[in-house]
Amino acid sequence: MKVKEKYNIKDENTFYKHVNKTHKWSELTIVIIFVLYLLVFAYPQSFRFYYVMGAIAIFYSFRALMEWRYKKQSNNYRINILNAAFFLFLASIGKVSSLLY
């Protein structure tokens, strides 16, 4: 990937390591809130593709923020910002297409 080469980001083949316990529990809370939201408020007939893409964008945005604040020297937050932007783009395409049809 060009971004990894440009910013000298090492490719780790291990599971993701959180920067601290607050980060770990906050990400878990975000996932639980989203799952509960889907179960309680989003009925199957009103389930939208952009809900999931938006939730993933929020997840990656939070991860980028935590890495930027506590692990800035690794530059991994740049990859998470790109991931969040990509999923936000997909969510916006999903929202626009749902308005058209």
N, C-alpha and C. Protein backbone atom coordinates (compact mmCIF):
# COMPACT_ATOMS: atom_id res chain seq x y z
N MET A 1 0.83 -1.19 0.00
CA MET A 1 0.00 0.00 0.00
C MET A 1 0.87 1.25 0.00
N LYS A 2 0.47 2.24 -0.72
CA LYS A 2 1.25 3.47 -0.83
C LYS A 2 1.31 4.24 0.49
N VAL A 3 0.21 4.28 1.22
CA VAL A 3 0.18 5.04 2.48
C VAL A 3 1.14 4.42 3.49
N LYS A 4 1.16 3.10 3.56
CA LYS A 4 2.06 2.43 4.50
C LYS A 4 3.51 2.68 4.15
N GLU A 5 3.83 2.72 2.87
CA GLU A 5 5.20 3.01 2.46
C GLU A 5 5.56 4.46 2.73
N LYS A 6 4.65 5.37 2.44
CA LYS A 6 4.93 6.80 2.60
C LYS A 6 5.17 7.18 4.05
N TYR A 7 4.39 6.64 4.96
CA TYR A 7 4.50 7.00 6.38
C TYR A 7 5.25 5.96 7.21
N ASN A 8 5.86 4.99 6.54
CA ASN A 8 6.68 3.98 7.21
C ASN A 8 5.89 3.25 8.31
N ILE A 9 4.73 2.73 7.93
CA ILE A 9 3.88 2.00 8.85
C ILE A 9 4.20 0.52 8.73
N LYS A 10 4.55 -0.09 9.85
CA LYS A 10 4.90 -1.50 9.84
C LYS A 10 3.63 -2.35 9.74
N ASP A 11 3.70 -3.39 8.94
CA ASP A 11 2.56 -4.30 8.76
C ASP A 11 2.64 -5.39 9.82
N GLU A 12 1.71 -5.35 10.76
CA GLU A 12 1.68 -6.33 11.84
C GLU A 12 0.69 -7.43 11.49
N ASN A 13 1.13 -8.66 11.57
CA ASN A 13 0.26 -9.79 11.24
C ASN A 13 -0.39 -10.39 12.48
N THR A 14 -0.52 -9.61 13.53
CA THR A 14 -1.14 -10.09 14.76
C THR A 14 -2.50 -9.45 14.93
N PHE A 15 -3.20 -9.85 15.96
CA PHE A 15 -4.48 -9.23 16.28
C PHE A 15 -4.25 -7.79 16.71
N TYR A 16 -5.31 -7.00 16.63
CA TYR A 16 -5.20 -5.59 16.99
C TYR A 16 -4.94 -5.45 18.49
N LYS A 17 -4.03 -4.57 18.84
CA LYS A 17 -3.73 -4.29 20.25
C LYS A 17 -4.21 -2.88 20.58
N HIS A 18 -5.08 -2.80 21.57
CA HIS A 18 -5.60 -1.51 21.99
C HIS A 18 -4.51 -0.73 22.71
N VAL A 19 -4.62 0.60 22.67
CA VAL A 19 -3.58 1.43 23.28
C VAL A 19 -3.68 1.45 24.80
N ASN A 20 -4.87 1.28 25.35
CA ASN A 20 -5.04 1.19 26.80
C ASN A 20 -6.40 0.57 27.11
N LYS A 21 -6.69 0.40 28.39
CA LYS A 21 -7.95 -0.24 28.78
C LYS A 21 -9.17 0.61 28.43
N THR A 22 -9.02 1.92 28.52
CA THR A 22 -10.14 2.81 28.16
C THR A 22 -10.51 2.62 26.70
N HIS A 23 -9.52 2.52 25.87
CA HIS A 23 -9.74 2.30 24.45
C HIS A 23 -10.47 0.97 24.21
N LYS A 24 -10.01 -0.06 24.86
CA LYS A 24 -10.61 -1.39 24.70
C LYS A 24 -12.07 -1.40 25.11
N TRP A 25 -12.37 -0.86 26.27
CA TRP A 25 -13.75 -0.88 26.78
C TRP A 25 -14.64 0.09 26.01
N SER A 26 -14.10 1.17 25.55
CA SER A 26 -14.90 2.12 24.76
C SER A 26 -15.29 1.51 23.42
N GLU A 27 -14.36 0.81 22.77
CA GLU A 27 -14.70 0.14 21.51
C GLU A 27 -15.75 -0.93 21.73
N LEU A 28 -15.62 -1.67 22.79
CA LEU A 28 -16.61 -2.70 23.11
C LEU A 28 -17.98 -2.05 23.35
N THR A 29 -18.01 -0.92 24.02
CA THR A 29 -19.26 -0.20 24.27
C THR A 29 -19.89 0.28 22.97
N ILE A 30 -19.08 0.78 22.05
CA ILE A 30 -19.59 1.22 20.75
C ILE A 30 -20.24 0.06 20.01
N VAL A 31 -19.60 -1.09 20.01
CA VAL A 31 -20.14 -2.27 19.32
C VAL A 31 -21.44 -2.72 19.98
N ILE A 32 -21.48 -2.76 21.31
CA ILE A 32 -22.69 -3.19 22.02
C ILE A 32 -23.84 -2.23 21.75
N ILE A 33 -23.58 -0.94 21.77
CA ILE A 33 -24.63 0.05 21.51
C ILE A 33 -25.18 -0.12 20.09
N PHE A 34 -24.29 -0.35 19.14
CA PHE A 34 -24.76 -0.52 17.77
C PHE A 34 -25.59 -1.79 17.61
N VAL A 35 -25.16 -2.88 18.20
CA VAL A 35 -25.91 -4.13 18.11
C VAL A 35 -27.28 -3.97 18.78
N LEU A 36 -27.32 -3.34 19.94
CA LEU A 36 -28.61 -3.10 20.61
C LEU A 36 -29.50 -2.20 19.77
N TYR A 37 -28.90 -1.21 19.15
CA TYR A 37 -29.69 -0.33 18.27
C TYR A 37 -30.32 -1.14 17.14
N LEU A 38 -29.53 -2.01 16.53
CA LEU A 38 -30.07 -2.83 15.45
C LEU A 38 -31.19 -3.74 15.93
N LEU A 39 -31.02 -4.32 17.11
CA LEU A 39 -32.02 -5.26 17.63
C LEU A 39 -33.30 -4.56 18.06
N VAL A 40 -33.18 -3.37 18.63
CA VAL A 40 -34.35 -2.70 19.20
C VAL A 40 -35.03 -1.77 18.20
N PHE A 41 -34.26 -0.92 17.52
CA PHE A 41 -34.87 0.14 16.73
C PHE A 41 -34.95 -0.15 15.23
N ALA A 42 -34.05 -0.93 14.71
CA ALA A 42 -34.04 -1.17 13.27
C ALA A 42 -34.74 -2.49 12.96
N TYR A 43 -35.99 -2.39 12.62
CA TYR A 43 -36.76 -3.57 12.27
C TYR A 43 -36.26 -4.11 10.93
N PRO A 44 -36.47 -5.38 10.67
CA PRO A 44 -35.95 -5.96 9.42
C PRO A 44 -36.41 -5.23 8.16
N GLN A 45 -37.63 -4.73 8.14
CA GLN A 45 -38.09 -4.05 6.94
C GLN A 45 -37.48 -2.66 6.80
N SER A 46 -36.97 -2.09 7.89
CA SER A 46 -36.37 -0.76 7.79
C SER A 46 -34.85 -0.80 7.93
N PHE A 47 -34.29 -1.99 7.87
CA PHE A 47 -32.84 -2.11 7.98
C PHE A 47 -32.18 -1.45 6.77
N ARG A 48 -31.21 -0.65 7.04
CA ARG A 48 -30.54 0.08 5.97
C ARG A 48 -29.06 -0.25 5.94
N PHE A 49 -28.53 -0.35 4.76
CA PHE A 49 -27.12 -0.61 4.53
C PHE A 49 -26.26 0.49 5.16
N TYR A 50 -26.70 1.74 5.06
CA TYR A 50 -25.88 2.85 5.53
C TYR A 50 -25.79 2.91 7.05
N TYR A 51 -26.70 2.25 7.78
CA TYR A 51 -26.55 2.17 9.23
C TYR A 51 -25.26 1.44 9.60
N VAL A 52 -25.05 0.32 8.95
CA VAL A 52 -23.86 -0.49 9.24
C VAL A 52 -22.60 0.25 8.82
N MET A 53 -22.61 0.83 7.64
CA MET A 53 -21.43 1.56 7.16
C MET A 53 -21.14 2.76 8.06
N GLY A 54 -22.16 3.44 8.51
CA GLY A 54 -21.97 4.57 9.43
C GLY A 54 -21.40 4.14 10.77
N ALA A 55 -21.87 3.01 11.27
CA ALA A 55 -21.37 2.50 12.55
C ALA A 55 -19.90 2.09 12.43
N ILE A 56 -19.55 1.47 11.31
CA ILE A 56 -18.15 1.09 11.11
C ILE A 56 -17.28 2.34 10.98
N ALA A 57 -17.79 3.38 10.33
CA ALA A 57 -17.05 4.63 10.21
C ALA A 57 -16.83 5.25 11.60
N ILE A 58 -17.84 5.22 12.45
CA ILE A 58 -17.69 5.73 13.82
C ILE A 58 -16.65 4.92 14.58
N PHE A 59 -16.69 3.61 14.41
CA PHE A 59 -15.75 2.72 15.07
C PHE A 59 -14.31 3.06 14.66
N TYR A 60 -14.05 3.17 13.36
CA TYR A 60 -12.70 3.49 12.89
C TYR A 60 -12.28 4.91 13.27
N SER A 61 -13.23 5.83 13.31
CA SER A 61 -12.91 7.20 13.72
C SER A 61 -12.46 7.23 15.17
N PHE A 62 -13.17 6.51 16.03
CA PHE A 62 -12.78 6.45 17.44
C PHE A 62 -11.41 5.80 17.59
N ARG A 63 -11.18 4.72 16.85
CA ARG A 63 -9.89 4.04 16.91
C ARG A 63 -8.76 4.98 16.45
N ALA A 64 -9.00 5.74 15.40
CA ALA A 64 -8.00 6.70 14.91
C ALA A 64 -7.73 7.78 15.95
N LEU A 65 -8.78 8.26 16.60
CA LEU A 65 -8.61 9.28 17.64
C LEU A 65 -7.76 8.76 18.79
N MET A 66 -8.06 7.56 19.25
CA MET A 66 -7.29 7.00 20.37
C MET A 66 -5.83 6.75 19.98
N GLU A 67 -5.60 6.25 18.77
CA GLU A 67 -4.22 6.02 18.35
C GLU A 67 -3.49 7.34 18.14
N TRP A 68 -4.18 8.34 17.64
CA TRP A 68 -3.55 9.65 17.45
C TRP A 68 -3.16 10.28 18.78
N ARG A 69 -4.02 10.11 19.79
CA ARG A 69 -3.72 10.71 21.09
C ARG A 69 -2.64 9.97 21.87
N TYR A 70 -2.62 8.64 21.79
CA TYR A 70 -1.75 7.87 22.67
C TYR A 70 -0.62 7.13 21.97
N LYS A 71 -0.69 7.01 20.65
CA LYS A 71 0.32 6.24 19.92
C LYS A 71 0.63 6.90 18.58
N LYS A 72 0.86 8.21 18.63
CA LYS A 72 1.03 8.99 17.42
C LYS A 72 2.25 8.57 16.60
N GLN A 73 3.30 8.12 17.26
CA GLN A 73 4.53 7.79 16.56
C GLN A 73 4.39 6.59 15.62
N SER A 74 3.39 5.75 15.82
CA SER A 74 3.24 4.57 14.96
C SER A 74 2.59 4.90 13.61
N ASN A 75 1.91 6.02 13.51
CA ASN A 75 1.22 6.44 12.28
C ASN A 75 0.09 5.51 11.84
N ASN A 76 -0.29 4.55 12.66
CA ASN A 76 -1.40 3.66 12.31
C ASN A 76 -2.73 4.39 12.27
N TYR A 77 -2.81 5.51 12.95
CA TYR A 77 -4.06 6.27 12.95
C TYR A 77 -4.41 6.76 11.55
N ARG A 78 -3.42 6.94 10.71
CA ARG A 78 -3.67 7.40 9.34
C ARG A 78 -4.45 6.35 8.54
N ILE A 79 -4.13 5.10 8.75
CA ILE A 79 -4.86 4.02 8.08
C ILE A 79 -6.30 3.98 8.56
N ASN A 80 -6.51 4.17 9.87
CA ASN A 80 -7.87 4.16 10.41
C ASN A 80 -8.68 5.36 9.92
N ILE A 81 -8.04 6.49 9.71
CA ILE A 81 -8.74 7.65 9.15
C ILE A 81 -9.20 7.34 7.73
N LEU A 82 -8.33 6.70 6.95
CA LEU A 82 -8.72 6.32 5.59
C LEU A 82 -9.85 5.29 5.60
N ASN A 83 -9.79 4.33 6.53
CA ASN A 83 -10.87 3.34 6.64
C ASN A 83 -12.19 4.02 7.00
N ALA A 84 -12.15 4.95 7.95
CA ALA A 84 -13.37 5.66 8.35
C ALA A 84 -13.92 6.47 7.18
N ALA A 85 -13.05 7.13 6.44
CA ALA A 85 -13.51 7.91 5.28
C ALA A 85 -14.14 7.01 4.22
N PHE A 86 -13.56 5.84 4.01
CA PHE A 86 -14.10 4.90 3.03
C PHE A 86 -15.50 4.43 3.44
N PHE A 87 -15.67 4.04 4.70
CA PHE A 87 -16.99 3.57 5.13
C PHE A 87 -18.00 4.71 5.20
N LEU A 88 -17.55 5.92 5.50
CA LEU A 88 -18.45 7.06 5.46
C LEU A 88 -18.89 7.34 4.02
N PHE A 89 -17.98 7.17 3.08
CA PHE A 89 -18.32 7.31 1.67
C PHE A 89 -19.36 6.26 1.26
N LEU A 90 -19.15 5.01 1.69
CA LEU A 90 -20.12 3.96 1.38
C LEU A 90 -21.48 4.26 2.01
N ALA A 91 -21.47 4.78 3.24
CA ALA A 91 -22.73 5.12 3.90
C ALA A 91 -23.46 6.22 3.14
N SER A 92 -22.72 7.21 2.66
CA SER A 92 -23.37 8.31 1.93
C SER A 92 -23.92 7.81 0.59
N ILE A 93 -23.22 6.89 -0.06
CA ILE A 93 -23.74 6.31 -1.30
C ILE A 93 -25.02 5.52 -1.00
N GLY A 94 -25.01 4.77 0.10
CA GLY A 94 -26.20 4.02 0.49
C GLY A 94 -27.37 4.92 0.79
N LYS A 95 -27.13 6.02 1.45
CA LYS A 95 -28.21 6.96 1.78
C LYS A 95 -28.77 7.62 0.53
N VAL A 96 -27.89 8.06 -0.35
CA VAL A 96 -28.34 8.70 -1.59
C VAL A 96 -29.12 7.71 -2.46
N SER A 97 -28.62 6.48 -2.56
CA SER A 97 -29.34 5.50 -3.39
C SER A 97 -30.69 5.13 -2.78
N SER A 98 -30.79 5.15 -1.44
CA SER A 98 -32.09 4.86 -0.83
C SER A 98 -33.09 5.99 -1.07
N LEU A 99 -32.59 7.21 -1.23
CA LEU A 99 -33.49 8.32 -1.52
C LEU A 99 -34.00 8.27 -2.96
N LEU A 100 -33.18 7.71 -3.84
CA LEU A 100 -33.56 7.64 -5.25
C LEU A 100 -34.56 6.54 -5.55
N TYR A 101 -34.54 5.48 -4.74
CA TYR A 101 -35.41 4.33 -5.03
C TYR A 101 -36.46 4.14 -3.98
